[in-house]
Amino acid sequence: MISPVSLGNRIVVIGVTGSGKTTLAGQLSHRLDLPHIELDALHWEENWTPVPKNRFRQKVQAALAGEYWVVDGNYSKVRDLIWPRAQTLIWLDYSLSFILWRQISRGLRRIVTREKLWNNNRETWRKFFSRDSLILWAIKTHPRRRREIPQLLKQAEHAHLQTIHLRSAKETEEWLARLAR
C-alpha cells in the first residue's frame, strides 16, 4: 500500500485521452491539499486554438514554480519540464475499449449539456465526428503510449520517479480508497 506521504508533493498523472487523468488528479489535489495543474487548460485557447509551443512551455514552467502540485496531461513538448521535478508518476493504462466507451459517453454528455471546457471551448457534433475527434486520437495514441511509456520510464533521467501503474478504473478506485485511509 502506498501512503499519501510517500507520493511526495509533486505528482504527474498520465494516460490516453479519456482515461480519467483530470478526474484522478483533481481527486488527489483535493485529498492531499495540493494545487491541480491541468495541462489542457494551459494548452487550449478559444476556438480550440493551441497555444504556441514556446508560450505553452512558459505557462507550464510558471505553473510548476511551486513545490507542491498535481499535474495531469501527456504533452511531450513539456515532459522535460514536468517529469524531472515530479516525485510520483501515476499511469492510467486502461484498455482501449474502456477508454472509447468513456470518451464517447463523455463527449455526448458534453455536447448535449453544452459544457464549457477550457477558455470557453465546447465539444461539438462537428468535432465529435471529425478527423480531429478525441475518439480517433485515442485509437491512434493508445498503442503508441503503451510502447512509449515503459521505454521512457526505463531511462536514467526518470529513475527517481515512483511509478504507480493502474490498469483499470476498478484498480484505480481501490487504490484511491486505500489512499484515503
N, C-alpha and C. Protein backbone atom coordinates (compact mmCIF):
# COMPACT_ATOMS: atom_id res chain seq x y z
N MET A 1 0.84 -1.18 0.00
CA MET A 1 0.00 0.00 0.00
C MET A 1 0.89 1.25 0.00
N ILE A 2 0.49 2.24 -0.76
CA ILE A 2 1.25 3.48 -0.86
C ILE A 2 0.53 4.53 -0.05
N SER A 3 1.24 5.17 0.85
CA SER A 3 0.62 6.19 1.69
C SER A 3 0.74 7.55 1.02
N PRO A 4 -0.10 8.53 1.41
CA PRO A 4 -0.01 9.87 0.81
C PRO A 4 1.37 10.50 1.00
N VAL A 5 2.01 10.22 2.13
CA VAL A 5 3.32 10.80 2.38
C VAL A 5 4.32 10.32 1.34
N SER A 6 4.25 9.04 0.98
CA SER A 6 5.22 8.50 0.04
C SER A 6 4.94 8.93 -1.40
N LEU A 7 3.79 9.53 -1.66
CA LEU A 7 3.51 10.03 -3.00
C LEU A 7 4.34 11.27 -3.32
N GLY A 8 4.77 11.96 -2.30
CA GLY A 8 5.51 13.19 -2.49
C GLY A 8 4.59 14.37 -2.70
N ASN A 9 5.18 15.49 -3.01
CA ASN A 9 4.44 16.74 -3.17
C ASN A 9 4.29 17.17 -4.62
N ARG A 10 4.88 16.39 -5.53
CA ARG A 10 4.79 16.71 -6.95
C ARG A 10 4.45 15.43 -7.70
N ILE A 11 3.23 15.39 -8.20
CA ILE A 11 2.67 14.18 -8.80
C ILE A 11 2.23 14.50 -10.22
N VAL A 12 2.51 13.59 -11.14
CA VAL A 12 2.03 13.74 -12.52
C VAL A 12 1.16 12.53 -12.84
N VAL A 13 -0.01 12.79 -13.43
CA VAL A 13 -0.95 11.74 -13.84
C VAL A 13 -0.99 11.72 -15.36
N ILE A 14 -0.68 10.55 -15.93
CA ILE A 14 -0.66 10.42 -17.38
C ILE A 14 -1.60 9.30 -17.81
N GLY A 15 -1.93 9.28 -19.09
CA GLY A 15 -2.80 8.26 -19.66
C GLY A 15 -3.36 8.77 -20.97
N VAL A 16 -3.91 7.87 -21.75
CA VAL A 16 -4.51 8.23 -23.03
C VAL A 16 -5.71 9.15 -22.79
N THR A 17 -6.03 9.97 -23.76
CA THR A 17 -7.20 10.83 -23.64
C THR A 17 -8.43 10.01 -23.28
N GLY A 18 -9.20 10.49 -22.32
CA GLY A 18 -10.39 9.78 -21.88
C GLY A 18 -10.16 8.79 -20.76
N SER A 19 -8.91 8.65 -20.30
CA SER A 19 -8.64 7.67 -19.26
C SER A 19 -9.03 8.15 -17.87
N GLY A 20 -9.21 9.45 -17.69
CA GLY A 20 -9.60 9.97 -16.38
C GLY A 20 -8.48 10.68 -15.65
N LYS A 21 -7.50 11.16 -16.39
CA LYS A 21 -6.36 11.86 -15.79
C LYS A 21 -6.81 13.06 -14.96
N THR A 22 -7.64 13.90 -15.53
CA THR A 22 -8.05 15.12 -14.86
C THR A 22 -8.89 14.79 -13.62
N THR A 23 -9.76 13.82 -13.75
CA THR A 23 -10.59 13.42 -12.61
C THR A 23 -9.72 12.93 -11.46
N LEU A 24 -8.79 12.02 -11.75
CA LEU A 24 -7.93 11.49 -10.70
C LEU A 24 -7.04 12.59 -10.12
N ALA A 25 -6.46 13.41 -10.98
CA ALA A 25 -5.61 14.50 -10.49
C ALA A 25 -6.40 15.44 -9.59
N GLY A 26 -7.64 15.73 -9.95
CA GLY A 26 -8.49 16.57 -9.12
C GLY A 26 -8.77 15.94 -7.77
N GLN A 27 -9.03 14.64 -7.77
CA GLN A 27 -9.27 13.93 -6.51
C GLN A 27 -8.02 13.94 -5.63
N LEU A 28 -6.87 13.69 -6.23
CA LEU A 28 -5.62 13.72 -5.46
C LEU A 28 -5.34 15.12 -4.93
N SER A 29 -5.56 16.11 -5.76
CA SER A 29 -5.36 17.50 -5.37
C SER A 29 -6.20 17.83 -4.13
N HIS A 30 -7.45 17.41 -4.17
CA HIS A 30 -8.36 17.67 -3.05
C HIS A 30 -7.93 16.91 -1.79
N ARG A 31 -7.67 15.63 -1.94
CA ARG A 31 -7.32 14.79 -0.78
C ARG A 31 -5.98 15.15 -0.15
N LEU A 32 -5.03 15.53 -0.98
CA LEU A 32 -3.69 15.82 -0.48
C LEU A 32 -3.45 17.31 -0.28
N ASP A 33 -4.45 18.12 -0.60
CA ASP A 33 -4.37 19.57 -0.48
C ASP A 33 -3.18 20.13 -1.27
N LEU A 34 -3.11 19.71 -2.53
CA LEU A 34 -2.07 20.18 -3.45
C LEU A 34 -2.72 20.91 -4.62
N PRO A 35 -2.10 21.93 -5.17
CA PRO A 35 -2.66 22.61 -6.34
C PRO A 35 -2.74 21.66 -7.54
N HIS A 36 -3.79 21.80 -8.32
CA HIS A 36 -4.01 20.97 -9.51
C HIS A 36 -3.67 21.80 -10.75
N ILE A 37 -2.81 21.27 -11.58
CA ILE A 37 -2.43 21.92 -12.84
C ILE A 37 -2.94 21.05 -13.98
N GLU A 38 -3.87 21.58 -14.74
CA GLU A 38 -4.46 20.84 -15.85
C GLU A 38 -3.81 21.35 -17.14
N LEU A 39 -3.01 20.51 -17.77
CA LEU A 39 -2.26 20.95 -18.95
C LEU A 39 -3.18 21.38 -20.10
N ASP A 40 -4.32 20.70 -20.26
CA ASP A 40 -5.24 21.11 -21.32
C ASP A 40 -5.68 22.56 -21.15
N ALA A 41 -5.88 23.00 -19.92
CA ALA A 41 -6.31 24.37 -19.67
C ALA A 41 -5.22 25.37 -20.05
N LEU A 42 -3.97 24.94 -19.96
CA LEU A 42 -2.86 25.81 -20.34
C LEU A 42 -2.58 25.76 -21.85
N HIS A 43 -2.99 24.68 -22.47
CA HIS A 43 -2.68 24.44 -23.89
C HIS A 43 -3.70 25.03 -24.86
N TRP A 44 -4.98 25.01 -24.48
CA TRP A 44 -6.03 25.40 -25.44
C TRP A 44 -6.53 26.81 -25.19
N GLU A 45 -6.50 27.61 -26.25
CA GLU A 45 -7.13 28.93 -26.23
C GLU A 45 -8.52 28.80 -26.83
N GLU A 46 -9.22 29.90 -26.94
CA GLU A 46 -10.57 29.86 -27.52
C GLU A 46 -10.55 29.28 -28.92
N ASN A 47 -11.69 28.70 -29.31
CA ASN A 47 -11.87 28.08 -30.63
C ASN A 47 -10.88 26.94 -30.86
N TRP A 48 -10.54 26.25 -29.80
CA TRP A 48 -9.64 25.09 -29.87
C TRP A 48 -8.31 25.44 -30.56
N THR A 49 -7.81 26.62 -30.28
CA THR A 49 -6.54 27.05 -30.83
C THR A 49 -5.43 26.70 -29.84
N PRO A 50 -4.48 25.90 -30.27
CA PRO A 50 -3.39 25.57 -29.34
C PRO A 50 -2.48 26.78 -29.11
N VAL A 51 -2.02 26.91 -27.88
CA VAL A 51 -1.06 27.96 -27.54
C VAL A 51 0.24 27.62 -28.26
N PRO A 52 0.93 28.61 -28.82
CA PRO A 52 2.23 28.34 -29.44
C PRO A 52 3.16 27.63 -28.43
N LYS A 53 4.00 26.75 -28.95
CA LYS A 53 4.83 25.89 -28.10
C LYS A 53 5.63 26.67 -27.06
N ASN A 54 6.31 27.74 -27.46
CA ASN A 54 7.13 28.50 -26.50
C ASN A 54 6.28 29.11 -25.40
N ARG A 55 5.12 29.63 -25.76
CA ARG A 55 4.22 30.21 -24.76
C ARG A 55 3.65 29.12 -23.84
N PHE A 56 3.33 27.96 -24.40
CA PHE A 56 2.84 26.84 -23.59
C PHE A 56 3.91 26.43 -22.58
N ARG A 57 5.12 26.31 -23.02
CA ARG A 57 6.21 25.94 -22.11
C ARG A 57 6.38 26.98 -21.00
N GLN A 58 6.26 28.25 -21.34
CA GLN A 58 6.35 29.31 -20.32
C GLN A 58 5.21 29.19 -19.30
N LYS A 59 4.01 28.93 -19.80
CA LYS A 59 2.85 28.79 -18.90
C LYS A 59 3.02 27.60 -17.96
N VAL A 60 3.52 26.49 -18.51
CA VAL A 60 3.73 25.29 -17.69
C VAL A 60 4.82 25.56 -16.66
N GLN A 61 5.91 26.16 -17.10
CA GLN A 61 7.02 26.46 -16.18
C GLN A 61 6.53 27.34 -15.02
N ALA A 62 5.73 28.34 -15.32
CA ALA A 62 5.19 29.22 -14.27
C ALA A 62 4.28 28.44 -13.32
N ALA A 63 3.46 27.55 -13.87
CA ALA A 63 2.54 26.76 -13.04
C ALA A 63 3.31 25.80 -12.13
N LEU A 64 4.46 25.33 -12.58
CA LEU A 64 5.27 24.39 -11.80
C LEU A 64 6.21 25.07 -10.81
N ALA A 65 6.16 26.38 -10.72
CA ALA A 65 7.11 27.12 -9.88
C ALA A 65 7.03 26.71 -8.41
N GLY A 66 5.86 26.31 -7.95
CA GLY A 66 5.71 25.92 -6.55
C GLY A 66 6.30 24.55 -6.27
N GLU A 67 6.41 24.25 -5.01
CA GLU A 67 6.97 22.97 -4.57
C GLU A 67 5.91 21.87 -4.47
N TYR A 68 4.65 22.24 -4.61
CA TYR A 68 3.55 21.29 -4.42
C TYR A 68 2.59 21.37 -5.59
N TRP A 69 2.30 20.22 -6.21
CA TRP A 69 1.33 20.21 -7.31
C TRP A 69 0.99 18.79 -7.73
N VAL A 70 -0.16 18.72 -8.42
CA VAL A 70 -0.58 17.52 -9.14
C VAL A 70 -0.86 17.98 -10.56
N VAL A 71 -0.14 17.42 -11.53
CA VAL A 71 -0.29 17.78 -12.94
C VAL A 71 -0.95 16.62 -13.66
N ASP A 72 -1.86 16.95 -14.58
CA ASP A 72 -2.38 15.89 -15.45
C ASP A 72 -2.19 16.27 -16.90
N GLY A 73 -1.73 15.29 -17.68
CA GLY A 73 -1.57 15.50 -19.11
C GLY A 73 -0.38 14.76 -19.68
N ASN A 74 -0.39 14.63 -21.01
CA ASN A 74 0.60 13.83 -21.74
C ASN A 74 1.41 14.63 -22.74
N TYR A 75 1.47 15.91 -22.62
CA TYR A 75 2.12 16.71 -23.65
C TYR A 75 3.64 16.48 -23.64
N SER A 76 4.13 15.80 -24.69
CA SER A 76 5.56 15.50 -24.75
C SER A 76 6.39 16.78 -24.84
N LYS A 77 5.82 17.85 -25.38
CA LYS A 77 6.59 19.09 -25.53
C LYS A 77 6.88 19.79 -24.21
N VAL A 78 6.29 19.31 -23.11
CA VAL A 78 6.61 19.86 -21.79
C VAL A 78 7.02 18.77 -20.80
N ARG A 79 7.15 17.56 -21.27
CA ARG A 79 7.54 16.45 -20.38
C ARG A 79 8.87 16.75 -19.68
N ASP A 80 9.80 17.36 -20.42
CA ASP A 80 11.11 17.67 -19.84
C ASP A 80 11.04 18.71 -18.73
N LEU A 81 9.93 19.42 -18.62
CA LEU A 81 9.73 20.38 -17.53
C LEU A 81 9.08 19.71 -16.31
N ILE A 82 8.24 18.72 -16.58
CA ILE A 82 7.42 18.12 -15.52
C ILE A 82 8.10 16.91 -14.88
N TRP A 83 8.46 15.94 -15.68
CA TRP A 83 8.95 14.67 -15.13
C TRP A 83 10.20 14.83 -14.26
N PRO A 84 11.18 15.66 -14.60
CA PRO A 84 12.35 15.79 -13.73
C PRO A 84 12.01 16.32 -12.33
N ARG A 85 10.97 17.14 -12.22
CA ARG A 85 10.59 17.71 -10.92
C ARG A 85 9.60 16.84 -10.18
N ALA A 86 8.86 16.00 -10.90
CA ALA A 86 7.86 15.15 -10.26
C ALA A 86 8.54 14.12 -9.38
N GLN A 87 7.83 13.70 -8.34
CA GLN A 87 8.31 12.63 -7.47
C GLN A 87 7.57 11.33 -7.76
N THR A 88 6.31 11.46 -8.17
CA THR A 88 5.48 10.28 -8.44
C THR A 88 4.81 10.46 -9.79
N LEU A 89 4.79 9.38 -10.56
CA LEU A 89 4.08 9.34 -11.84
C LEU A 89 3.02 8.26 -11.73
N ILE A 90 1.78 8.64 -12.01
CA ILE A 90 0.67 7.69 -12.00
C ILE A 90 0.23 7.51 -13.44
N TRP A 91 0.32 6.27 -13.92
CA TRP A 91 -0.03 5.96 -15.30
C TRP A 91 -1.35 5.21 -15.32
N LEU A 92 -2.36 5.83 -15.92
CA LEU A 92 -3.67 5.20 -16.13
C LEU A 92 -3.59 4.48 -17.47
N ASP A 93 -3.42 3.19 -17.41
CA ASP A 93 -3.18 2.36 -18.59
C ASP A 93 -4.35 1.41 -18.79
N TYR A 94 -5.48 1.97 -19.22
CA TYR A 94 -6.71 1.19 -19.35
C TYR A 94 -6.85 0.61 -20.76
N SER A 95 -7.75 -0.35 -20.88
CA SER A 95 -7.99 -0.97 -22.19
C SER A 95 -8.58 0.07 -23.15
N LEU A 96 -8.30 -0.12 -24.43
CA LEU A 96 -8.82 0.79 -25.44
C LEU A 96 -10.35 0.77 -25.46
N SER A 97 -10.95 -0.40 -25.30
CA SER A 97 -12.42 -0.46 -25.31
C SER A 97 -13.02 0.37 -24.18
N PHE A 98 -12.43 0.32 -23.00
CA PHE A 98 -12.92 1.12 -21.88
C PHE A 98 -12.76 2.61 -22.16
N ILE A 99 -11.60 2.99 -22.68
CA ILE A 99 -11.35 4.40 -22.98
C ILE A 99 -12.31 4.92 -24.04
N LEU A 100 -12.57 4.10 -25.08
CA LEU A 100 -13.51 4.54 -26.12
C LEU A 100 -14.91 4.70 -25.56
N TRP A 101 -15.34 3.77 -24.71
CA TRP A 101 -16.66 3.89 -24.08
C TRP A 101 -16.73 5.18 -23.28
N ARG A 102 -15.70 5.43 -22.50
CA ARG A 102 -15.67 6.63 -21.66
C ARG A 102 -15.62 7.89 -22.54
N GLN A 103 -14.83 7.85 -23.58
CA GLN A 103 -14.68 9.01 -24.46
C GLN A 103 -16.01 9.33 -25.17
N ILE A 104 -16.68 8.31 -25.65
CA ILE A 104 -17.96 8.51 -26.35
C ILE A 104 -19.01 9.04 -25.39
N SER A 105 -19.15 8.42 -24.22
CA SER A 105 -20.19 8.86 -23.28
C SER A 105 -19.89 10.27 -22.77
N ARG A 106 -18.64 10.56 -22.48
CA ARG A 106 -18.28 11.89 -22.01
C ARG A 106 -18.51 12.93 -23.10
N GLY A 107 -18.09 12.61 -24.33
CA GLY A 107 -18.27 13.54 -25.44
C GLY A 107 -19.74 13.84 -25.70
N LEU A 108 -20.56 12.81 -25.70
CA LEU A 108 -22.00 13.02 -25.91
C LEU A 108 -22.61 13.87 -24.81
N ARG A 109 -22.23 13.59 -23.56
CA ARG A 109 -22.75 14.39 -22.43
C ARG A 109 -22.34 15.85 -22.59
N ARG A 110 -21.09 16.08 -22.94
CA ARG A 110 -20.61 17.45 -23.09
C ARG A 110 -21.30 18.18 -24.24
N ILE A 111 -21.58 17.48 -25.31
CA ILE A 111 -22.27 18.10 -26.45
C ILE A 111 -23.70 18.46 -26.06
N VAL A 112 -24.41 17.52 -25.47
CA VAL A 112 -25.81 17.73 -25.11
C VAL A 112 -25.96 18.84 -24.06
N THR A 113 -25.09 18.85 -23.06
CA THR A 113 -25.21 19.85 -21.98
C THR A 113 -24.52 21.17 -22.34
N ARG A 114 -23.80 21.18 -23.47
CA ARG A 114 -23.03 22.36 -23.89
C ARG A 114 -22.06 22.80 -22.81
N GLU A 115 -21.45 21.81 -22.16
CA GLU A 115 -20.49 22.06 -21.09
C GLU A 115 -19.32 22.88 -21.60
N LYS A 116 -18.99 23.92 -20.84
CA LYS A 116 -17.83 24.74 -21.20
C LYS A 116 -16.58 24.06 -20.67
N LEU A 117 -15.59 24.02 -21.55
CA LEU A 117 -14.29 23.48 -21.17
C LEU A 117 -13.33 24.65 -21.05
N TRP A 118 -12.08 24.43 -21.28
CA TRP A 118 -11.06 25.44 -21.11
C TRP A 118 -11.29 26.60 -22.07
N ASN A 119 -11.21 27.81 -21.53
CA ASN A 119 -11.27 29.03 -22.33
C ASN A 119 -12.49 29.08 -23.25
N ASN A 120 -13.63 28.71 -22.71
CA ASN A 120 -14.92 28.75 -23.41
C ASN A 120 -15.05 27.77 -24.57
N ASN A 121 -14.19 26.79 -24.65
CA ASN A 121 -14.32 25.78 -25.69
C ASN A 121 -15.41 24.79 -25.31
N ARG A 122 -16.05 24.25 -26.32
CA ARG A 122 -17.07 23.22 -26.13
C ARG A 122 -16.85 22.13 -27.16
N GLU A 123 -17.23 20.92 -26.78
CA GLU A 123 -17.23 19.85 -27.77
C GLU A 123 -18.48 20.04 -28.63
N THR A 124 -18.35 19.73 -29.91
CA THR A 124 -19.46 19.90 -30.84
C THR A 124 -19.66 18.62 -31.65
N TRP A 125 -20.84 18.51 -32.27
CA TRP A 125 -21.09 17.36 -33.13
C TRP A 125 -20.05 17.30 -34.25
N ARG A 126 -19.73 18.46 -34.81
CA ARG A 126 -18.76 18.53 -35.91
C ARG A 126 -17.42 17.97 -35.46
N LYS A 127 -16.95 18.42 -34.31
CA LYS A 127 -15.65 17.95 -33.80
C LYS A 127 -15.72 16.47 -33.40
N PHE A 128 -16.85 16.05 -32.86
CA PHE A 128 -17.05 14.67 -32.42
C PHE A 128 -16.88 13.69 -33.57
N PHE A 129 -17.34 14.10 -34.78
CA PHE A 129 -17.27 13.23 -35.94
C PHE A 129 -16.17 13.61 -36.94
N SER A 130 -15.28 14.51 -36.53
CA SER A 130 -14.24 14.97 -37.46
C SER A 130 -13.01 14.07 -37.41
N ARG A 131 -12.09 14.34 -38.30
CA ARG A 131 -10.81 13.62 -38.30
C ARG A 131 -9.96 14.02 -37.10
N ASP A 132 -10.34 15.11 -36.41
CA ASP A 132 -9.63 15.56 -35.20
C ASP A 132 -10.34 15.13 -33.92
N SER A 133 -11.25 14.18 -34.03
CA SER A 133 -12.03 13.78 -32.86
C SER A 133 -11.15 13.12 -31.81
N LEU A 134 -11.55 13.28 -30.56
CA LEU A 134 -10.82 12.67 -29.46
C LEU A 134 -10.91 11.14 -29.51
N ILE A 135 -11.95 10.63 -30.12
CA ILE A 135 -12.10 9.18 -30.27
C ILE A 135 -11.00 8.64 -31.19
N LEU A 136 -10.83 9.29 -32.32
CA LEU A 136 -9.76 8.88 -33.24
C LEU A 136 -8.38 9.10 -32.62
N TRP A 137 -8.25 10.18 -31.86
CA TRP A 137 -6.98 10.45 -31.19
C TRP A 137 -6.65 9.32 -30.20
N ALA A 138 -7.66 8.86 -29.46
CA ALA A 138 -7.45 7.75 -28.51
C ALA A 138 -7.04 6.48 -29.24
N ILE A 139 -7.71 6.19 -30.34
CA ILE A 139 -7.38 4.99 -31.12
C ILE A 139 -5.94 5.07 -31.64
N LYS A 140 -5.55 6.25 -32.09
CA LYS A 140 -4.22 6.45 -32.66
C LYS A 140 -3.13 6.38 -31.59
N THR A 141 -3.38 6.99 -30.43
CA THR A 141 -2.31 7.12 -29.43
C THR A 141 -2.23 5.97 -28.43
N HIS A 142 -3.30 5.20 -28.27
CA HIS A 142 -3.30 4.13 -27.26
C HIS A 142 -2.15 3.14 -27.45
N PRO A 143 -1.99 2.53 -28.63
CA PRO A 143 -0.88 1.58 -28.77
C PRO A 143 0.49 2.24 -28.66
N ARG A 144 0.59 3.47 -29.15
CA ARG A 144 1.87 4.19 -29.09
C ARG A 144 2.26 4.46 -27.64
N ARG A 145 1.30 4.91 -26.82
CA ARG A 145 1.58 5.19 -25.41
C ARG A 145 2.00 3.92 -24.67
N ARG A 146 1.35 2.80 -24.99
CA ARG A 146 1.69 1.54 -24.32
C ARG A 146 3.12 1.10 -24.65
N ARG A 147 3.61 1.48 -25.80
CA ARG A 147 5.01 1.18 -26.16
C ARG A 147 5.95 2.22 -25.57
N GLU A 148 5.56 3.48 -25.68
CA GLU A 148 6.42 4.60 -25.35
C GLU A 148 6.66 4.77 -23.84
N ILE A 149 5.62 4.69 -23.04
CA ILE A 149 5.75 5.00 -21.60
C ILE A 149 6.74 4.05 -20.91
N PRO A 150 6.64 2.74 -21.08
CA PRO A 150 7.63 1.87 -20.41
C PRO A 150 9.07 2.20 -20.83
N GLN A 151 9.26 2.54 -22.10
CA GLN A 151 10.61 2.90 -22.57
C GLN A 151 11.10 4.18 -21.90
N LEU A 152 10.21 5.16 -21.79
CA LEU A 152 10.58 6.42 -21.13
C LEU A 152 10.94 6.18 -19.67
N LEU A 153 10.16 5.34 -19.01
CA LEU A 153 10.38 5.09 -17.58
C LEU A 153 11.68 4.32 -17.32
N LYS A 154 12.21 3.65 -18.32
CA LYS A 154 13.48 2.93 -18.17
C LYS A 154 14.69 3.86 -18.29
N GLN A 155 14.47 5.06 -18.78
CA GLN A 155 15.58 5.98 -18.98
C GLN A 155 16.12 6.48 -17.63
N ALA A 156 17.42 6.63 -17.56
CA ALA A 156 18.09 7.01 -16.31
C ALA A 156 17.54 8.31 -15.72
N GLU A 157 17.20 9.27 -16.56
CA GLU A 157 16.72 10.56 -16.04
C GLU A 157 15.35 10.47 -15.38
N HIS A 158 14.67 9.32 -15.54
CA HIS A 158 13.37 9.14 -14.90
C HIS A 158 13.41 8.11 -13.78
N ALA A 159 14.60 7.66 -13.42
CA ALA A 159 14.76 6.63 -12.38
C ALA A 159 14.26 7.10 -11.02
N HIS A 160 14.24 8.41 -10.79
CA HIS A 160 13.80 8.95 -9.50
C HIS A 160 12.29 8.84 -9.30
N LEU A 161 11.55 8.65 -10.38
CA LEU A 161 10.09 8.65 -10.29
C LEU A 161 9.56 7.37 -9.64
N GLN A 162 8.74 7.55 -8.62
CA GLN A 162 7.97 6.43 -8.10
C GLN A 162 6.80 6.26 -9.08
N THR A 163 6.67 5.10 -9.67
CA THR A 163 5.65 4.88 -10.69
C THR A 163 4.53 4.01 -10.14
N ILE A 164 3.32 4.48 -10.34
CA ILE A 164 2.12 3.71 -9.98
C ILE A 164 1.40 3.44 -11.28
N HIS A 165 1.35 2.18 -11.66
CA HIS A 165 0.78 1.75 -12.94
C HIS A 165 -0.58 1.12 -12.66
N LEU A 166 -1.64 1.84 -13.02
CA LEU A 166 -3.01 1.38 -12.77
C LEU A 166 -3.63 0.94 -14.08
N ARG A 167 -4.14 -0.29 -14.13
CA ARG A 167 -4.57 -0.90 -15.39
C ARG A 167 -6.08 -0.94 -15.59
N SER A 168 -6.84 -0.48 -14.62
CA SER A 168 -8.30 -0.46 -14.80
C SER A 168 -8.89 0.60 -13.87
N ALA A 169 -10.10 1.03 -14.21
CA ALA A 169 -10.78 2.01 -13.36
C ALA A 169 -11.04 1.41 -11.98
N LYS A 170 -11.34 0.12 -11.93
CA LYS A 170 -11.57 -0.54 -10.64
C LYS A 170 -10.30 -0.53 -9.80
N GLU A 171 -9.17 -0.85 -10.41
CA GLU A 171 -7.90 -0.82 -9.68
C GLU A 171 -7.61 0.60 -9.17
N THR A 172 -7.92 1.60 -9.97
CA THR A 172 -7.71 2.99 -9.57
C THR A 172 -8.62 3.35 -8.39
N GLU A 173 -9.88 2.96 -8.46
CA GLU A 173 -10.81 3.23 -7.36
C GLU A 173 -10.34 2.58 -6.06
N GLU A 174 -9.89 1.33 -6.16
CA GLU A 174 -9.40 0.62 -4.97
C GLU A 174 -8.15 1.29 -4.41
N TRP A 175 -7.24 1.69 -5.29
CA TRP A 175 -6.03 2.38 -4.86
C TRP A 175 -6.38 3.70 -4.17
N LEU A 176 -7.30 4.43 -4.76
CA LEU A 176 -7.71 5.72 -4.19
C LEU A 176 -8.40 5.52 -2.84
N ALA A 177 -9.19 4.47 -2.71
CA ALA A 177 -9.86 4.18 -1.44
C ALA A 177 -8.81 3.86 -0.36
N ARG A 178 -7.79 3.10 -0.70
CA ARG A 178 -6.71 2.81 0.27
C ARG A 178 -5.97 4.07 0.64
N LEU A 179 -5.78 4.94 -0.34
CA LEU A 179 -5.08 6.19 -0.12
C LEU A 179 -5.84 7.07 0.88
N ALA A 180 -7.16 7.02 0.83
CA ALA A 180 -7.98 7.87 1.69
C ALA A 180 -7.86 7.46 3.16
N ARG A 181 -7.51 6.19 3.41
CA ARG A 181 -7.40 5.74 4.79
C ARG A 181 -6.20 6.33 5.41
